[in-house]
Protein backbone atom coordinates (compact mmCIF):
# COMPACT_ATOMS: atom_id res chain seq x y z
CA UNK A 1 0.36 0.22 0.32
CA UNK A 2 1.36 2.99 -0.74
CA UNK A 3 -0.11 6.90 0.43
CA UNK A 4 0.57 10.52 -1.02
CA UNK A 5 -1.75 13.75 -0.42
CA UNK A 6 -0.57 17.48 -1.62
CA UNK A 7 0.37 16.95 -4.90
CA UNK A 8 -1.37 19.89 -6.64
CA UNK A 9 -0.86 19.01 -10.60
CA UNK A 10 -1.50 22.43 -11.87
CA UNK A 11 1.01 24.28 -9.90
CA UNK A 12 3.91 25.59 -10.60
CA UNK A 13 6.02 23.63 -7.48
CA UNK A 14 4.09 20.20 -8.21
CA UNK A 15 7.36 18.14 -8.28
CA UNK A 16 5.16 15.80 -11.04
CA UNK A 17 8.24 14.42 -12.81
CA UNK A 18 9.40 13.21 -9.58
CA UNK A 19 6.32 11.24 -8.83
CA UNK A 20 5.90 9.65 -12.06
CA UNK A 21 9.24 8.57 -11.76
CA UNK A 22 8.31 6.49 -8.02
CA UNK A 23 4.94 5.49 -9.67
CA UNK A 24 6.09 3.73 -12.40
CA UNK A 25 8.43 2.40 -9.75
CA UNK A 26 5.26 0.44 -7.54
CA UNK A 27 2.50 -1.64 -7.70
CA UNK A 28 0.88 -1.80 -4.90
CA UNK A 29 -2.57 -3.15 -4.10
CA UNK A 30 -3.64 -0.08 -2.63
CA UNK A 31 -3.27 3.46 -3.62
CA UNK A 32 -4.61 6.23 -1.73
CA UNK A 33 -4.33 10.02 -2.72
CA UNK A 34 -5.30 11.53 0.31
CA UNK A 35 -6.56 14.93 -0.86
CA UNK A 36 -5.23 17.62 -3.16
CA UNK A 37 -4.35 15.93 -5.81
CA UNK A 38 -5.48 17.93 -8.21
CA UNK A 39 -5.57 21.92 -7.47
CA UNK A 40 -8.38 23.39 -8.29
CA UNK A 41 -7.45 27.00 -6.51
CA UNK A 42 -4.96 27.68 -8.59
CA UNK A 43 -6.05 26.02 -11.64
CA UNK A 44 -4.86 28.09 -15.10
CA UNK A 45 -6.07 27.62 -18.37
CA UNK A 46 -2.85 27.96 -19.47
CA UNK A 47 -0.76 25.65 -17.33
CA UNK A 48 -1.17 21.94 -17.12
CA UNK A 49 1.96 20.50 -18.26
CA UNK A 50 2.56 17.25 -19.86
CA UNK A 51 4.36 15.21 -17.21
CA UNK A 52 1.07 16.51 -14.32
CA UNK A 53 -0.91 14.78 -17.57
CA UNK A 54 1.32 11.79 -17.22
CA UNK A 55 0.55 11.65 -13.60
CA UNK A 56 -3.02 10.57 -14.26
CA UNK A 57 -1.97 8.92 -16.80
CA UNK A 58 -0.26 6.63 -14.27
CA UNK A 59 -2.60 5.65 -12.10
CA UNK A 60 -5.17 5.44 -14.07
CA UNK A 61 -3.06 2.61 -15.43
CA UNK A 62 -2.62 0.94 -12.29
CA UNK A 63 -6.66 1.26 -11.59
CA UNK A 64 -7.05 -0.43 -14.75
CA UNK A 65 -3.89 -3.12 -14.07
CA UNK A 66 -5.64 -4.28 -10.50
CA UNK A 67 -4.80 -1.33 -7.70
CA UNK A 68 -7.54 -0.67 -5.98
CA UNK A 69 -7.17 3.33 -6.03
CA UNK A 70 -8.68 5.99 -3.23
CA UNK A 71 -9.02 9.19 -3.83
CA UNK A 72 -10.48 11.33 -0.91
CA UNK A 73 -11.40 14.91 -1.29
CA UNK A 74 -9.23 17.72 0.05
CA UNK A 75 -9.61 21.65 0.00
CA UNK A 76 -8.05 22.71 -3.23
CA UNK A 77 -10.11 19.60 -5.05
CA UNK A 78 -12.97 19.62 -3.13
CA UNK A 79 -15.31 19.60 -5.80
CA UNK A 80 -14.71 16.01 -6.66
CA UNK A 81 -17.20 15.84 -3.10
CA UNK A 82 -20.24 16.24 -5.70
CA UNK A 83 -19.07 13.13 -6.85
CA UNK A 84 -19.19 11.30 -3.33
CA UNK A 85 -19.61 8.44 -3.14
CA UNK A 86 -18.74 7.81 -6.43
CA UNK A 87 -16.80 4.32 -8.36
CA UNK A 88 -15.58 3.70 -11.61
CA UNK A 89 -13.96 0.82 -12.43
CA UNK A 90 -10.80 0.27 -9.65
CA UNK A 91 -11.08 4.34 -8.49
CA UNK A 92 -13.52 5.27 -5.66
CA UNK A 93 -13.93 8.73 -4.51
CA UNK A 94 -14.54 8.85 -0.69
CA UNK A 95 -14.51 11.92 2.16
CA UNK A 96 -12.81 9.59 4.21
CA UNK A 97 -11.58 5.80 3.69
CA UNK A 98 -11.82 3.21 7.09
CA UNK A 99 -10.07 -0.02 6.13
CA UNK A 100 -9.00 -2.89 8.64
CA UNK A 101 -5.27 -4.30 8.15
CA UNK A 102 -4.03 -6.94 10.06
CA UNK A 103 -6.51 -6.70 12.70
CA UNK A 104 -5.63 -3.12 13.21
CA UNK A 105 -8.59 -0.26 11.97
CA UNK A 106 -7.35 2.74 9.98
CA UNK A 107 -8.85 5.94 9.60
CA UNK A 108 -7.61 8.18 6.59
CA UNK A 109 -8.95 11.71 6.07
CA UNK A 110 -7.43 15.33 3.89
CA UNK A 111 -7.31 16.91 7.11
CA UNK A 112 -8.66 20.57 5.96
CA UNK A 113 -11.83 20.00 7.94
CA UNK A 114 -9.59 21.03 11.35
CA UNK A 115 -8.16 23.96 9.85
CA UNK A 116 -10.16 27.24 11.13
CA UNK A 117 -8.70 29.30 8.68
CA UNK A 118 -10.64 27.79 5.86
CA UNK A 119 -13.86 26.93 7.63
CA UNK A 120 -13.88 30.85 8.48
CA UNK A 121 -12.66 32.58 5.76
CA UNK A 122 -12.45 30.78 2.41
CA UNK A 123 -11.02 33.59 0.18
CA UNK A 124 -8.06 34.16 2.89
CA UNK A 125 -7.29 30.71 2.66
CA UNK A 126 -7.46 30.91 -1.50
CA UNK A 127 -5.31 33.93 -1.85
CA UNK A 128 -2.65 32.55 1.09
CA UNK A 129 -2.33 29.63 -1.62
CA UNK A 130 -1.85 31.83 -4.21
CA UNK A 131 0.91 33.81 -2.22
CA UNK A 132 1.99 30.19 -1.36
CA UNK A 133 2.38 28.82 -5.09
CA UNK A 134 4.57 31.70 -6.22
CA UNK A 135 6.83 31.27 -3.15
CA UNK A 136 7.46 28.14 -3.80
CA UNK A 137 7.54 29.16 -7.59
CA UNK A 138 10.28 31.78 -6.36
CA UNK A 139 12.20 28.50 -4.69
CA UNK A 140 12.38 26.66 -7.21
CA UNK A 141 14.90 29.12 -9.56
CA UNK A 142 17.42 29.34 -6.62
CA UNK A 143 17.26 25.86 -5.91
CA UNK A 144 18.13 25.55 -9.77
CA UNK A 145 20.90 28.04 -9.17
CA UNK A 146 22.37 26.37 -6.14
CA UNK A 147 22.23 22.87 -7.98
CA UNK A 148 24.65 24.57 -10.48
CA UNK A 149 26.90 26.05 -8.12
CA UNK A 150 26.62 22.00 -5.93
CA UNK A 151 24.81 23.72 -3.06
CA UNK A 152 22.41 21.92 -1.54
CA UNK A 153 18.37 22.50 -1.92
CA UNK A 154 16.84 25.06 0.36
CA UNK A 155 12.65 25.31 1.28
CA UNK A 156 11.45 28.58 2.39
CA UNK A 157 8.30 27.01 3.37
CA UNK A 158 9.85 24.81 5.61
CA UNK A 159 12.20 27.02 7.54
CA UNK A 160 9.07 29.72 7.41
CA UNK A 161 7.18 26.86 8.89
CA UNK A 162 9.93 25.73 11.47
CA UNK A 163 10.60 29.31 12.98
CA UNK A 164 7.18 31.43 12.88
CA UNK A 165 5.34 30.17 16.39
CA UNK A 166 2.16 30.93 14.83
CA UNK A 167 2.65 27.71 12.18
CA UNK A 168 4.13 25.79 14.94
CA UNK A 169 1.32 26.13 17.11
CA UNK A 170 -0.79 25.22 13.99
CA UNK A 171 0.73 22.70 13.46
CA UNK A 172 0.60 21.56 16.98
CA UNK A 173 -2.98 21.87 16.99
CA UNK A 174 -3.98 20.47 13.56
CA UNK A 175 -2.40 16.68 14.56
CA UNK A 176 -3.88 17.42 18.25
CA UNK A 177 -7.52 17.77 16.79
CA UNK A 178 -6.54 14.38 14.55
CA UNK A 179 -5.63 12.24 17.38
CA UNK A 180 -8.63 13.67 19.21
CA UNK A 181 -10.89 12.56 16.16
CA UNK A 182 -9.43 9.57 15.80
CA UNK A 183 -9.91 8.65 19.82
CA UNK A 184 -13.49 9.27 19.07
CA UNK A 185 -13.80 7.13 16.39
CA UNK A 186 -11.75 4.19 17.97
CA UNK A 187 -9.43 3.35 15.89
CA UNK A 188 -5.93 2.34 15.68
CA UNK A 189 -4.36 4.91 12.76
CA UNK A 190 -5.19 8.29 12.01
CA UNK A 191 -4.00 8.64 8.12
CA UNK A 192 -3.55 12.72 7.05
CA UNK A 193 -1.99 14.88 4.85
CA UNK A 194 -3.18 18.88 4.70
CA UNK A 195 -0.27 20.64 6.49
CA UNK A 196 2.61 19.32 4.24
CA UNK A 197 4.34 18.04 7.31
CA UNK A 198 6.11 13.66 6.92
CA UNK A 199 5.35 11.87 10.06
CA UNK A 200 4.58 9.10 12.07
CA UNK A 201 4.39 9.25 15.67
CA UNK A 202 2.97 6.94 18.08
CA UNK A 203 0.86 8.67 21.03
CA UNK A 204 0.60 6.00 24.21
CA UNK A 205 -1.63 7.07 27.06
CA UNK A 206 -2.79 5.15 29.83
CA UNK A 207 -5.85 4.04 28.70
CA UNK A 208 -5.73 4.50 24.54
CA UNK A 209 -2.25 3.82 22.05
CA UNK A 210 -2.72 5.30 18.34
CA UNK A 211 -0.28 6.34 15.44
CA UNK A 212 -0.66 9.43 13.49
CA UNK A 213 0.92 9.76 10.29
CA UNK A 214 0.96 12.17 7.52
CA UNK A 215 2.07 11.59 4.30
CA UNK A 216 3.68 14.68 3.61
CA UNK A 217 3.39 16.61 -0.02
CA UNK A 218 4.82 16.64 -3.54
CA UNK A 219 5.48 20.25 -3.13
CA UNK A 220 8.25 20.88 -0.44
CA UNK A 221 9.00 17.39 1.13
CA UNK A 222 8.38 14.77 -2.00
CA UNK A 223 7.46 11.76 0.41
CA UNK A 224 4.70 8.80 0.62
CA UNK A 225 3.49 6.62 3.27
CA UNK A 226 4.61 3.26 2.22
CA UNK A 227 3.25 -0.28 3.71
CA UNK A 228 4.93 -3.46 3.30
CA UNK A 229 5.87 -6.77 5.30
CA UNK A 230 3.11 -5.27 8.47
CA UNK A 231 5.36 -2.33 8.77
CA UNK A 232 4.80 1.48 8.03
CA UNK A 233 7.86 3.82 6.72
CA UNK A 234 8.23 7.11 4.93
CA UNK A 235 10.05 7.54 2.00
CA UNK A 236 11.05 10.46 0.52
CA UNK A 237 12.29 10.70 -2.86
CA UNK A 238 16.27 10.14 -3.52
CA UNK A 239 16.62 10.96 -7.70
CA UNK A 240 19.53 8.89 -6.71
CA UNK A 241 17.22 6.09 -7.21
CA UNK A 242 15.77 6.20 -10.50
CA UNK A 243 18.87 7.85 -12.80
CA UNK A 244 19.13 4.78 -14.43
CA UNK A 245 15.68 5.29 -16.44
CA UNK A 246 15.78 5.73 -19.65
CA UNK A 247 16.92 9.32 -20.91
CA UNK A 248 15.65 8.32 -24.19
CA UNK A 249 12.00 8.06 -23.17
CA UNK A 250 10.27 11.28 -24.32
CA UNK A 251 6.86 12.49 -23.29
CA UNK A 252 5.28 13.21 -26.69
CA UNK A 253 3.47 16.90 -26.19
CA UNK A 254 1.03 16.84 -28.69
CA UNK A 255 -0.81 13.75 -26.95
CA UNK A 256 -1.12 15.72 -23.84
CA UNK A 257 -2.33 19.07 -25.13
CA UNK A 258 -5.20 16.57 -25.88
CA UNK A 259 -5.86 15.55 -23.02
CA UNK A 260 -5.03 18.75 -21.44
CA UNK A 261 -8.37 20.54 -23.31
CA UNK A 262 -10.67 17.96 -22.37
CA UNK A 263 -9.53 18.00 -18.69
CA UNK A 264 -10.22 21.74 -18.63
CA UNK A 265 -13.52 21.52 -19.91
CA UNK A 266 -14.04 19.06 -17.21
CA UNK A 267 -12.73 21.23 -14.80
CA UNK A 268 -14.46 24.54 -15.95
CA UNK A 269 -17.95 22.44 -16.42
CA UNK A 270 -17.55 21.93 -12.52
CA UNK A 271 -16.82 25.46 -12.61
CA UNK A 272 -13.15 25.43 -10.74
CA UNK A 273 -11.91 27.79 -12.18
CA UNK A 274 -14.51 30.11 -11.13
CA UNK A 275 -14.51 29.25 -7.56
CA UNK A 276 -10.31 29.79 -8.04
CA UNK A 277 -10.92 33.44 -8.94
């Protein structure tokens, strides 16, 4: 099993090629997309690169080959809530998901329900998302320059989160809310996304024990939760794991553009573009 979240397809900061490399390297029985897969808030008519389309193709291919795919709604792709509950082939759309694995109960959901900034002021939250996207875009350009000079990559957004007390408090509050909710549902594991902070954390109390997990994101951290041999682990993308990929394989632009146009029409029919502006 693999759990990804916060891919934000359609934004400048999305590491679609890296995610595509990873997805092509695995064949899980279950793939859970835990929200914010397509970014409806930042959706642009003129920006949905071929690699972003290929990520969607790859997930569809996996579903056709037998992988059970669960797509859980987030705040940036809230438009899919219109289709819940719905399934097509091996792809299931849900708001949250409960599973039982080896006698343990799991609860998967994105976590935006605990973000009060979204509940109280959706417009400000969307403006914040717009600013975050441009910060990531600037960060990407800086990292390209640093890489050329042999310097390590840096994350502006991560540094801000670590240094601003309010951001730290928000993360702590989010995790505590998720844990409290998991207790009320009497589950052994709770798995979220949303805050872009990958984590596996054991919570042990006198009367209760559970595990809180967060799959991180594919903007800054490039992480995925993997369940294999009865154990959970966090995998962080490492380009050296994929350096032997065939460099001659080129993504053709024409088919992607054709699909791009269809995708835009479908998303615009759902009023995503209008909602984001």
